[in-house]
PDB file of N, CA and C in Angstrom:
ATOM      1  N   UNK A   1       0.921  -1.164   0.032  1.00  0.00           N
ATOM      2  CA  UNK A   1       0.009  -0.018   0.021  1.00  0.00           C
ATOM      3  C   UNK A   1       0.936   1.193   0.019  1.00  0.00           C
ATOM      4  N   UNK A   2       0.874   2.032  -1.046  1.00  0.00           N
ATOM      5  CA  UNK A   2       1.589   3.226  -1.159  1.00  0.00           C
ATOM      6  C   UNK A   2       0.748   4.429  -0.935  1.00  0.00           C
ATOM      7  N   UNK A   3       1.123   5.202   0.014  1.00  0.00           N
ATOM      8  CA  UNK A   3       0.334   6.428   0.315  1.00  0.00           C
ATOM      9  C   UNK A   3       1.121   7.626  -0.165  1.00  0.00           C
ATOM     10  N   UNK A   4       0.257   8.681  -0.385  1.00  0.00           N
ATOM     11  CA  UNK A   4       0.960   9.864  -0.891  1.00  0.00           C
ATOM     12  C   UNK A   4       1.880  10.509   0.193  1.00  0.00           C
ATOM     13  N   UNK A   5       2.823  11.332  -0.195  1.00  0.00           N
ATOM     14  CA  UNK A   5       3.787  11.946   0.767  1.00  0.00           C
ATOM     15  C   UNK A   5       2.990  12.893   1.727  1.00  0.00           C
ATOM     16  N   UNK A   6       1.992  13.486   1.182  1.00  0.00           N
ATOM     17  CA  UNK A   6       1.162  14.416   1.984  1.00  0.00           C
ATOM     18  C   UNK A   6       0.503  13.757   3.172  1.00  0.00           C
ATOM     19  N   UNK A   7      -0.069  12.643   2.852  1.00  0.00           N
ATOM     20  CA  UNK A   7      -0.737  11.794   3.941  1.00  0.00           C
ATOM     21  C   UNK A   7       0.287  11.327   4.971  1.00  0.00           C
ATOM     22  N   UNK A   8       1.358  10.806   4.486  1.00  0.00           N
ATOM     23  CA  UNK A   8       2.418  10.416   5.390  1.00  0.00           C
ATOM     24  C   UNK A   8       3.063  11.467   6.217  1.00  0.00           C
ATOM     25  N   UNK A   9       3.224  12.625   5.569  1.00  0.00           N
ATOM     26  CA  UNK A   9       3.803  13.821   6.270  1.00  0.00           C
ATOM     27  C   UNK A   9       2.838  14.244   7.376  1.00  0.00           C
ATOM     28  N   UNK A  10       1.542  14.214   7.218  1.00  0.00           N
ATOM     29  CA  UNK A  10       0.598  14.617   8.267  1.00  0.00           C
ATOM     30  C   UNK A  10       0.610  13.585   9.341  1.00  0.00           C
ATOM     31  N   UNK A  11       0.725  12.307   9.020  1.00  0.00           N
ATOM     32  CA  UNK A  11       0.663  11.259   9.973  1.00  0.00           C
ATOM     33  C   UNK A  11       1.982  11.407  10.918  1.00  0.00           C
ATOM     34  N   UNK A  12       3.060  11.492  10.236  1.00  0.00           N
ATOM     35  CA  UNK A  12       4.317  11.502  11.083  1.00  0.00           C
ATOM     36  C   UNK A  12       4.569  12.821  11.746  1.00  0.00           C
ATOM     37  N   UNK A  13       4.065  13.937  11.148  1.00  0.00           N
ATOM     38  CA  UNK A  13       4.151  15.218  11.961  1.00  0.00           C
ATOM     39  C   UNK A  13       3.258  15.169  13.157  1.00  0.00           C
ATOM     40  N   UNK A  14       2.126  14.584  13.023  1.00  0.00           N
ATOM     41  CA  UNK A  14       1.241  14.396  14.264  1.00  0.00           C
ATOM     42  C   UNK A  14       1.891  13.572  15.318  1.00  0.00           C
ATOM     43  N   UNK A  15       2.668  12.457  14.885  1.00  0.00           N
ATOM     44  CA  UNK A  15       3.167  11.568  15.753  1.00  0.00           C
ATOM     45  C   UNK A  15       4.562  12.069  16.355  1.00  0.00           C
ATOM     46  N   UNK A  16       5.046  13.164  15.815  1.00  0.00           N
ATOM     47  CA  UNK A  16       6.318  13.629  16.219  1.00  0.00           C
ATOM     48  C   UNK A  16       6.262  14.327  17.669  1.00  0.00           C
ATOM     49  N   UNK A  17       5.171  14.665  18.032  1.00  0.00           N
ATOM     50  CA  UNK A  17       4.948  15.368  19.339  1.00  0.00           C
ATOM     51  C   UNK A  17       4.647  14.406  20.473  1.00  0.00           C
ATOM     52  N   UNK A  18       5.352  14.444  21.595  1.00  0.00           N
ATOM     53  CA  UNK A  18       5.136  13.470  22.739  1.00  0.00           C
ATOM     54  C   UNK A  18       3.689  13.587  23.304  1.00  0.00           C
ATOM     55  N   UNK A  19       3.136  14.834  23.374  1.00  0.00           N
ATOM     56  CA  UNK A  19       1.797  14.952  23.919  1.00  0.00           C
ATOM     57  C   UNK A  19       0.800  14.261  22.992  1.00  0.00           C
ATOM     58  N   UNK A  20       0.979  14.560  21.746  1.00  0.00           N
ATOM     59  CA  UNK A  20       0.025  13.850  20.688  1.00  0.00           C
ATOM     60  C   UNK A  20       0.091  12.401  20.840  1.00  0.00           C
ATOM     61  N   UNK A  21       1.275  11.796  20.918  1.00  0.00           N
ATOM     62  CA  UNK A  21       1.411  10.328  21.045  1.00  0.00           C
ATOM     63  C   UNK A  21       0.743   9.947  22.335  1.00  0.00           C
ATOM     64  N   UNK A  22       0.902  10.589  23.398  1.00  0.00           N
ATOM     65  CA  UNK A  22       0.230  10.269  24.685  1.00  0.00           C
ATOM     66  C   UNK A  22      -1.213  10.309  24.479  1.00  0.00           C
ATOM     67  N   UNK A  23      -1.778  11.362  23.849  1.00  0.00           N
ATOM     68  CA  UNK A  23      -3.244  11.437  23.640  1.00  0.00           C
ATOM     69  C   UNK A  23      -3.725  10.234  22.839  1.00  0.00           C
ATOM     70  N   UNK A  24      -2.946   9.927  21.869  1.00  0.00           N
ATOM     71  CA  UNK A  24      -3.330   8.811  20.909  1.00  0.00           C
ATOM     72  C   UNK A  24      -3.372   7.518  21.738  1.00  0.00           C
ATOM     73  N   UNK A  25      -2.381   7.349  22.594  1.00  0.00           N
ATOM     74  CA  UNK A  25      -2.385   6.213  23.433  1.00  0.00           C
ATOM     75  C   UNK A  25      -3.511   6.038  24.360  1.00  0.00           C
ATOM     76  N   UNK A  26      -3.880   7.169  25.015  1.00  0.00           N
ATOM     77  CA  UNK A  26      -5.109   7.242  25.885  1.00  0.00           C
ATOM     78  C   UNK A  26      -6.386   6.928  25.113  1.00  0.00           C
ATOM     79  N   UNK A  27      -6.494   7.600  23.941  1.00  0.00           N
ATOM     80  CA  UNK A  27      -7.683   7.300  23.115  1.00  0.00           C
ATOM     81  C   UNK A  27      -7.748   5.930  22.625  1.00  0.00           C
ATOM     82  N   UNK A  28      -6.647   5.317  22.430  1.00  0.00           N
ATOM     83  CA  UNK A  28      -6.657   3.943  21.987  1.00  0.00           C
ATOM     84  C   UNK A  28      -7.176   2.941  22.972  1.00  0.00           C
ATOM     85  N   UNK A  29      -7.072   3.356  24.269  1.00  0.00           N
ATOM     86  CA  UNK A  29      -7.570   2.356  25.373  1.00  0.00           C
ATOM     87  C   UNK A  29      -8.968   2.660  25.775  1.00  0.00           C
ATOM     88  N   UNK A  30      -9.427   3.925  25.486  1.00  0.00           N
ATOM     89  CA  UNK A  30     -10.820   4.204  26.005  1.00  0.00           C
ATOM     90  C   UNK A  30     -11.225   5.509  25.222  1.00  0.00           C
ATOM     91  N   UNK A  31     -12.517   5.701  24.975  1.00  0.00           N
ATOM     92  CA  UNK A  31     -12.990   6.949  24.427  1.00  0.00           C
ATOM     93  C   UNK A  31     -12.860   8.106  25.417  1.00  0.00           C
ATOM     94  N   UNK A  32     -12.470   9.312  24.931  1.00  0.00           N
ATOM     95  CA  UNK A  32     -12.353  10.440  25.878  1.00  0.00           C
ATOM     96  C   UNK A  32     -12.883  11.664  25.117  1.00  0.00           C
ATOM     97  N   UNK A  33     -13.237  12.633  25.922  1.00  0.00           N
ATOM     98  CA  UNK A  33     -13.608  14.005  25.439  1.00  0.00           C
ATOM     99  C   UNK A  33     -12.373  14.862  25.584  1.00  0.00           C
ATOM    100  N   UNK A  34     -12.323  15.933  24.907  1.00  0.00           N
ATOM    101  CA  UNK A  34     -11.076  16.826  25.071  1.00  0.00           C
ATOM    102  C   UNK A  34     -10.986  17.340  26.427  1.00  0.00           C
ATOM    103  N   UNK A  35     -12.195  17.594  27.078  1.00  0.00           N
ATOM    104  CA  UNK A  35     -12.048  18.071  28.527  1.00  0.00           C
ATOM    105  C   UNK A  35     -11.651  17.031  29.400  1.00  0.00           C
ATOM    106  N   UNK A  36     -11.921  15.820  29.248  1.00  0.00           N
ATOM    107  CA  UNK A  36     -11.398  14.664  30.044  1.00  0.00           C
ATOM    108  C   UNK A  36      -9.979  14.515  29.852  1.00  0.00           C
ATOM    109  N   UNK A  37      -9.510  14.622  28.600  1.00  0.00           N
ATOM    110  CA  UNK A  37      -8.102  14.519  28.303  1.00  0.00           C
ATOM    111  C   UNK A  37      -7.280  15.605  29.010  1.00  0.00           C
ATOM    112  N   UNK A  38      -7.862  16.835  28.918  1.00  0.00           N
ATOM    113  CA  UNK A  38      -7.156  17.981  29.306  1.00  0.00           C
ATOM    114  C   UNK A  38      -6.812  17.880  30.887  1.00  0.00           C
ATOM    115  N   UNK A  39      -7.583  17.181  31.664  1.00  0.00           N
ATOM    116  CA  UNK A  39      -7.329  16.965  33.101  1.00  0.00           C
ATOM    117  C   UNK A  39      -6.037  16.294  33.412  1.00  0.00           C
ATOM    118  N   UNK A  40      -5.628  15.551  32.395  1.00  0.00           N
ATOM    119  CA  UNK A  40      -4.335  14.774  32.645  1.00  0.00           C
ATOM    120  C   UNK A  40      -3.011  15.518  32.248  1.00  0.00           C
ATOM    121  N   UNK A  41      -3.194  16.702  31.772  1.00  0.00           N
ATOM    122  CA  UNK A  41      -1.958  17.469  31.289  1.00  0.00           C
ATOM    123  C   UNK A  41      -1.966  18.824  32.068  1.00  0.00           C
ATOM    124  N   UNK A  42      -0.728  19.341  32.099  1.00  0.00           N
ATOM    125  CA  UNK A  42      -0.424  20.681  32.679  1.00  0.00           C
ATOM    126  C   UNK A  42      -0.494  21.646  31.662  1.00  0.00           C
ATOM    127  N   UNK A  43      -1.565  21.734  30.928  1.00  0.00           N
ATOM    128  CA  UNK A  43      -1.716  22.742  29.779  1.00  0.00           C
ATOM    129  C   UNK A  43      -3.192  23.036  29.617  1.00  0.00           C
ATOM    130  N   UNK A  44      -3.491  24.128  28.983  1.00  0.00           N
ATOM    131  CA  UNK A  44      -4.913  24.543  28.830  1.00  0.00           C
ATOM    132  C   UNK A  44      -5.731  23.681  27.963  1.00  0.00           C
ATOM    133  N   UNK A  45      -7.091  23.714  28.183  1.00  0.00           N
ATOM    134  CA  UNK A  45      -7.933  22.990  27.299  1.00  0.00           C
ATOM    135  C   UNK A  45      -7.745  23.332  25.846  1.00  0.00           C
ATOM    136  N   UNK A  46      -7.497  24.715  25.549  1.00  0.00           N
ATOM    137  CA  UNK A  46      -7.221  25.147  24.173  1.00  0.00           C
ATOM    138  C   UNK A  46      -6.021  24.421  23.652  1.00  0.00           C
ATOM    139  N   UNK A  47      -4.935  24.280  24.389  1.00  0.00           N
ATOM    140  CA  UNK A  47      -3.747  23.585  23.865  1.00  0.00           C
ATOM    141  C   UNK A  47      -4.013  22.097  23.582  1.00  0.00           C
ATOM    142  N   UNK A  48      -4.850  21.485  24.435  1.00  0.00           N
ATOM    143  CA  UNK A  48      -5.202  20.042  24.162  1.00  0.00           C
ATOM    144  C   UNK A  48      -6.039  20.066  22.892  1.00  0.00           C
ATOM    145  N   UNK A  49      -6.969  20.904  22.763  1.00  0.00           N
ATOM    146  CA  UNK A  49      -7.872  21.029  21.546  1.00  0.00           C
ATOM    147  C   UNK A  49      -6.935  21.102  20.325  1.00  0.00           C
ATOM    148  N   UNK A  50      -5.925  21.928  20.383  1.00  0.00           N
ATOM    149  CA  UNK A  50      -5.075  22.077  19.275  1.00  0.00           C
ATOM    150  C   UNK A  50      -4.321  20.838  18.866  1.00  0.00           C
ATOM    151  N   UNK A  51      -3.921  20.093  19.954  1.00  0.00           N
ATOM    152  CA  UNK A  51      -3.250  18.789  19.735  1.00  0.00           C
ATOM    153  C   UNK A  51      -4.233  17.787  19.063  1.00  0.00           C
ATOM    154  N   UNK A  52      -5.395  17.730  19.513  1.00  0.00           N
ATOM    155  CA  UNK A  52      -6.511  16.861  19.082  1.00  0.00           C
ATOM    156  C   UNK A  52      -6.764  17.261  17.600  1.00  0.00           C
ATOM    157  N   UNK A  53      -6.784  18.554  17.295  1.00  0.00           N
ATOM    158  CA  UNK A  53      -7.035  18.952  15.972  1.00  0.00           C
ATOM    159  C   UNK A  53      -5.891  18.400  14.980  1.00  0.00           C
ATOM    160  N   UNK A  54      -4.723  18.541  15.351  1.00  0.00           N
ATOM    161  CA  UNK A  54      -3.596  17.851  14.560  1.00  0.00           C
ATOM    162  C   UNK A  54      -3.783  16.466  14.325  1.00  0.00           C
ATOM    163  N   UNK A  55      -4.111  15.711  15.337  1.00  0.00           N
ATOM    164  CA  UNK A  55      -4.430  14.315  15.299  1.00  0.00           C
ATOM    165  C   UNK A  55      -5.555  14.041  14.303  1.00  0.00           C
ATOM    166  N   UNK A  56      -6.598  14.819  14.372  1.00  0.00           N
ATOM    167  CA  UNK A  56      -7.849  14.681  13.598  1.00  0.00           C
ATOM    168  C   UNK A  56      -7.455  15.004  12.153  1.00  0.00           C
ATOM    169  N   UNK A  57      -6.741  16.005  11.867  1.00  0.00           N
ATOM    170  CA  UNK A  57      -6.382  16.355  10.488  1.00  0.00           C
ATOM    171  C   UNK A  57      -5.542  15.277   9.848  1.00  0.00           C
ATOM    172  N   UNK A  58      -4.694  14.645  10.640  1.00  0.00           N
ATOM    173  CA  UNK A  58      -3.850  13.490  10.188  1.00  0.00           C
ATOM    174  C   UNK A  58      -4.667  12.199  10.009  1.00  0.00           C
ATOM    175  N   UNK A  59      -5.869  12.229  10.477  1.00  0.00           N
ATOM    176  CA  UNK A  59      -6.701  11.043  10.343  1.00  0.00           C
ATOM    177  C   UNK A  59      -6.465   9.987  11.391  1.00  0.00           C
ATOM    178  N   UNK A  60      -5.763  10.325  12.437  1.00  0.00           N
ATOM    179  CA  UNK A  60      -5.422   9.380  13.513  1.00  0.00           C
ATOM    180  C   UNK A  60      -6.606   9.223  14.520  1.00  0.00           C
ATOM    181  N   UNK A  61      -7.466  10.217  14.613  1.00  0.00           N
ATOM    182  CA  UNK A  61      -8.658  10.187  15.520  1.00  0.00           C
ATOM    183  C   UNK A  61      -9.831  10.856  14.828  1.00  0.00           C
ATOM    184  N   UNK A  62     -10.994  10.573  15.264  1.00  0.00           N
ATOM    185  CA  UNK A  62     -12.216  11.241  14.821  1.00  0.00           C
ATOM    186  C   UNK A  62     -12.972  11.526  16.086  1.00  0.00           C
ATOM    187  N   UNK A  63     -13.904  12.490  15.822  1.00  0.00           N
ATOM    188  CA  UNK A  63     -14.874  12.870  16.891  1.00  0.00           C
ATOM    189  C   UNK A  63     -16.304  12.490  16.468  1.00  0.00           C
ATOM    190  N   UNK A  64     -17.031  12.009  17.442  1.00  0.00           N
ATOM    191  CA  UNK A  64     -18.410  11.773  17.181  1.00  0.00           C
ATOM    192  C   UNK A  64     -19.205  12.206  18.452  1.00  0.00           C
ATOM    193  N   UNK A  65     -20.481  12.501  18.165  1.00  0.00           N
ATOM    194  CA  UNK A  65     -21.335  13.163  19.258  1.00  0.00           C
ATOM    195  C   UNK A  65     -21.871  11.861  20.115  1.00  0.00           C
ATOM    196  N   UNK A  66     -21.886  12.141  21.371  1.00  0.00           N
ATOM    197  CA  UNK A  66     -22.500  11.298  22.348  1.00  0.00           C
ATOM    198  C   UNK A  66     -23.229  12.103  23.367  1.00  0.00           C
ATOM    199  N   UNK A  67     -24.434  12.313  23.146  1.00  0.00           N
ATOM    200  CA  UNK A  67     -25.163  13.281  23.833  1.00  0.00           C
ATOM    201  C   UNK A  67     -24.794  14.687  23.557  1.00  0.00           C
ATOM    202  N   UNK A  68     -24.321  15.317  24.612  1.00  0.00           N
ATOM    203  CA  UNK A  68     -23.956  16.808  24.390  1.00  0.00           C
ATOM    204  C   UNK A  68     -22.420  16.892  24.122  1.00  0.00           C
ATOM    205  N   UNK A  69     -21.773  15.849  24.294  1.00  0.00           N
ATOM    206  CA  UNK A  69     -20.291  15.766  24.122  1.00  0.00           C
ATOM    207  C   UNK A  69     -19.813  15.244  22.806  1.00  0.00           C
ATOM    208  N   UNK A  70     -18.593  15.687  22.465  1.00  0.00           N
ATOM    209  CA  UNK A  70     -17.927  15.078  21.290  1.00  0.00           C
ATOM    210  C   UNK A  70     -16.957  14.076  21.856  1.00  0.00           C
ATOM    211  N   UNK A  71     -16.906  12.917  21.502  1.00  0.00           N
ATOM    212  CA  UNK A  71     -16.055  11.795  21.969  1.00  0.00           C
ATOM    213  C   UNK A  71     -15.038  11.493  20.918  1.00  0.00           C
ATOM    214  N   UNK A  72     -13.821  11.296  21.311  1.00  0.00           N
ATOM    215  CA  UNK A  72     -12.747  10.975  20.409  1.00  0.00           C
ATOM    216  C   UNK A  72     -12.490   9.489  20.331  1.00  0.00           C
ATOM    217  N   UNK A  73     -12.228   9.073  19.079  1.00  0.00           N
ATOM    218  CA  UNK A  73     -11.989   7.625  18.774  1.00  0.00           C
ATOM    219  C   UNK A  73     -10.815   7.529  17.876  1.00  0.00           C
ATOM    220  N   UNK A  74      -9.998   6.485  18.165  1.00  0.00           N
ATOM    221  CA  UNK A  74      -8.791   6.250  17.317  1.00  0.00           C
ATOM    222  C   UNK A  74      -9.210   5.604  16.008  1.00  0.00           C
ATOM    223  N   UNK A  75      -8.419   5.950  15.022  1.00  0.00           N
ATOM    224  CA  UNK A  75      -8.655   5.346  13.666  1.00  0.00           C
ATOM    225  C   UNK A  75      -7.491   4.475  13.260  1.00  0.00           C
ATOM    226  N   UNK A  76      -7.613   3.146  13.533  1.00  0.00           N
ATOM    227  CA  UNK A  76      -6.486   2.208  13.314  1.00  0.00           C
ATOM    228  C   UNK A  76      -6.063   2.023  12.010  1.00  0.00           C
ATOM    229  N   UNK A  77      -6.949   2.385  11.003  1.00  0.00           N
ATOM    230  CA  UNK A  77      -6.544   2.238   9.520  1.00  0.00           C
ATOM    231  C   UNK A  77      -5.415   3.255   9.250  1.00  0.00           C
ATOM    232  N   UNK A  78      -5.425   4.401   9.828  1.00  0.00           N
ATOM    233  CA  UNK A  78      -4.379   5.403   9.611  1.00  0.00           C
ATOM    234  C   UNK A  78      -3.087   4.903  10.179  1.00  0.00           C
ATOM    235  N   UNK A  79      -3.086   4.293  11.404  1.00  0.00           N
ATOM    236  CA  UNK A  79      -1.853   3.787  11.966  1.00  0.00           C
ATOM    237  C   UNK A  79      -1.286   2.682  11.048  1.00  0.00           C
ATOM    238  N   UNK A  80      -2.173   1.902  10.445  1.00  0.00           N
ATOM    239  CA  UNK A  80      -1.735   0.816   9.515  1.00  0.00           C
ATOM    240  C   UNK A  80      -0.984   1.472   8.306  1.00  0.00           C
ATOM    241  N   UNK A  81      -1.356   2.634   7.892  1.00  0.00           N
ATOM    242  CA  UNK A  81      -0.667   3.237   6.798  1.00  0.00           C
ATOM    243  C   UNK A  81       0.786   3.510   7.177  1.00  0.00           C
ATOM    244  N   UNK A  82       0.914   4.099   8.387  1.00  0.00           N
ATOM    245  CA  UNK A  82       2.243   4.404   8.954  1.00  0.00           C
ATOM    246  C   UNK A  82       3.048   3.134   9.099  1.00  0.00           C
ATOM    247  N   UNK A  83       2.399   2.125   9.706  1.00  0.00           N
ATOM    248  CA  UNK A  83       3.130   0.849   9.884  1.00  0.00           C
ATOM    249  C   UNK A  83       3.574   0.159   8.596  1.00  0.00           C
ATOM    250  N   UNK A  84       2.758   0.211   7.542  1.00  0.00           N
ATOM    251  CA  UNK A  84       3.060  -0.341   6.237  1.00  0.00           C
ATOM    252  C   UNK A  84       4.322   0.454   5.630  1.00  0.00           C
ATOM    253  N   UNK A  85       4.303   1.717   5.822  1.00  0.00           N
ATOM    254  CA  UNK A  85       5.442   2.496   5.272  1.00  0.00           C
ATOM    255  C   UNK A  85       6.749   2.108   6.058  1.00  0.00           C
ATOM    256  N   UNK A  86       6.664   2.006   7.336  1.00  0.00           N
ATOM    257  CA  UNK A  86       7.839   1.682   8.085  1.00  0.00           C
ATOM    258  C   UNK A  86       8.246   0.256   7.895  1.00  0.00           C
ATOM    259  N   UNK A  87       7.287  -0.703   7.564  1.00  0.00           N
ATOM    260  CA  UNK A  87       7.783  -2.021   7.383  1.00  0.00           C
ATOM    261  C   UNK A  87       8.512  -2.216   6.061  1.00  0.00           C
ATOM    262  N   UNK A  88       8.360  -1.317   5.023  1.00  0.00           N
ATOM    263  CA  UNK A  88       9.182  -1.357   3.866  1.00  0.00           C
ATOM    264  C   UNK A  88      10.692  -1.216   4.251  1.00  0.00           C
ATOM    265  N   UNK A  89      10.900  -0.241   5.187  1.00  0.00           N
ATOM    266  CA  UNK A  89      12.299  -0.041   5.591  1.00  0.00           C
ATOM    267  C   UNK A  89      12.771  -1.144   6.507  1.00  0.00           C
ATOM    268  N   UNK A  90      11.827  -1.709   7.261  1.00  0.00           N
ATOM    269  CA  UNK A  90      12.285  -2.877   8.107  1.00  0.00           C
ATOM    270  C   UNK A  90      12.784  -4.053   7.211  1.00  0.00           C
ATOM    271  N   UNK A  91      12.133  -4.280   6.064  1.00  0.00           N
ATOM    272  CA  UNK A  91      12.488  -5.385   5.127  1.00  0.00           C
ATOM    273  C   UNK A  91      13.908  -5.106   4.566  1.00  0.00           C
ATOM    274  N   UNK A  92      14.056  -3.812   4.121  1.00  0.00           N
ATOM    275  CA  UNK A  92      15.386  -3.468   3.617  1.00  0.00           C
ATOM    276  C   UNK A  92      16.514  -3.720   4.575  1.00  0.00           C
ATOM    277  N   UNK A  93      16.286  -3.214   5.825  1.00  0.00           N
ATOM    278  CA  UNK A  93      17.342  -3.375   6.859  1.00  0.00           C
ATOM    279  C   UNK A  93      17.512  -4.768   7.228  1.00  0.00           C
ATOM    280  N   UNK A  94      16.466  -5.566   7.273  1.00  0.00           N
ATOM    281  CA  UNK A  94      16.619  -7.015   7.626  1.00  0.00           C
ATOM    282  C   UNK A  94      17.465  -7.649   6.576  1.00  0.00           C
ATOM    283  N   UNK A  95      17.177  -7.372   5.308  1.00  0.00           N
ATOM    284  CA  UNK A  95      17.977  -8.039   4.230  1.00  0.00           C
ATOM    285  C   UNK A  95      19.457  -7.588   4.405  1.00  0.00           C
ATOM    286  N   UNK A  96      19.698  -6.365   4.633  1.00  0.00           N
ATOM    287  CA  UNK A  96      21.105  -5.890   4.854  1.00  0.00           C
ATOM    288  C   UNK A  96      21.770  -6.571   6.020  1.00  0.00           C
ATOM    289  N   UNK A  97      21.091  -6.717   7.219  1.00  0.00           N
ATOM    290  CA  UNK A  97      21.671  -7.348   8.345  1.00  0.00           C
ATOM    291  C   UNK A  97      21.920  -8.795   8.013  1.00  0.00           C
ATOM    292  N   UNK A  98      21.002  -9.477   7.332  1.00  0.00           N
ATOM    293  CA  UNK A  98      21.206 -10.826   6.911  1.00  0.00           C
ATOM    294  C   UNK A  98      22.405 -11.066   6.111  1.00  0.00           C
ATOM    295  N   UNK A  99      22.587 -10.194   5.109  1.00  0.00           N
ATOM    296  CA  UNK A  99      23.669 -10.163   4.205  1.00  0.00           C
ATOM    297  C   UNK A  99      24.944 -10.055   4.980  1.00  0.00           C
ATOM    298  N   UNK A 100      24.997  -9.090   5.960  1.00  0.00           N
ATOM    299  CA  UNK A 100      26.230  -8.799   6.787  1.00  0.00           C
ATOM    300  C   UNK A 100      26.418 -10.052   7.663  1.00  0.00           C
ATOM    301  N   UNK A 101      25.505 -10.652   8.222  1.00  0.00           N
ATOM    302  CA  UNK A 101      25.677 -11.806   9.057  1.00  0.00           C
ATOM    303  C   UNK A 101      26.294 -12.950   8.187  1.00  0.00           C
ATOM    304  N   UNK A 102      25.742 -13.132   7.077  1.00  0.00           N
ATOM    305  CA  UNK A 102      26.269 -14.226   6.192  1.00  0.00           C
ATOM    306  C   UNK A 102      27.717 -13.970   5.743  1.00  0.00           C
ATOM    307  N   UNK A 103      27.972 -12.717   5.492  1.00  0.00           N
ATOM    308  CA  UNK A 103      29.376 -12.388   5.198  1.00  0.00           C
ATOM    309  C   UNK A 103      30.365 -12.676   6.366  1.00  0.00           C
ATOM    310  N   UNK A 104      29.888 -12.189   7.483  1.00  0.00           N
ATOM    311  CA  UNK A 104      30.728 -12.552   8.740  1.00  0.00           C
ATOM    312  C   UNK A 104      30.881 -13.984   9.081  1.00  0.00           C
ATOM    313  N   UNK A 105      29.842 -14.732   8.738  1.00  0.00           N
ATOM    314  CA  UNK A 105      30.010 -16.296   9.049  1.00  0.00           C
ATOM    315  C   UNK A 105      30.772 -16.891   8.051  1.00  0.00           C
ATOM    316  N   UNK A 106      31.012 -16.371   6.809  1.00  0.00           N
ATOM    317  CA  UNK A 106      31.794 -16.984   5.774  1.00  0.00           C
ATOM    318  C   UNK A 106      33.375 -16.647   6.045  1.00  0.00           C
ATOM    319  N   UNK A 107      33.593 -15.718   6.873  1.00  0.00           N
ATOM    320  CA  UNK A 107      35.044 -15.405   7.175  1.00  0.00           C
ATOM    321  C   UNK A 107      35.660 -16.463   8.121  1.00  0.00           C
TER     322      UNK A 107
END
């Protein structure tokens, strides 16, 4: 699966921030609202909302209504895109390490 550079750039830019990775981890284990997430961080609700917006634009999370609140959900398909991209490099490096190991065994 080959994704456009724009899609991958958004995904990896979103994942580049430690707070966004932590938000993603929390949302992956349970649904949260922005206000419930904000209680776990030493930053404003607006700052958390901006982090959530970056994750949403990257397609890593979505919001849906549950009564009066908007609840965040993780989007595993987008994470699979990033994993597929990285697995291509894993294959390349595995082949290189295997070749090096074989070369060292032959000596």
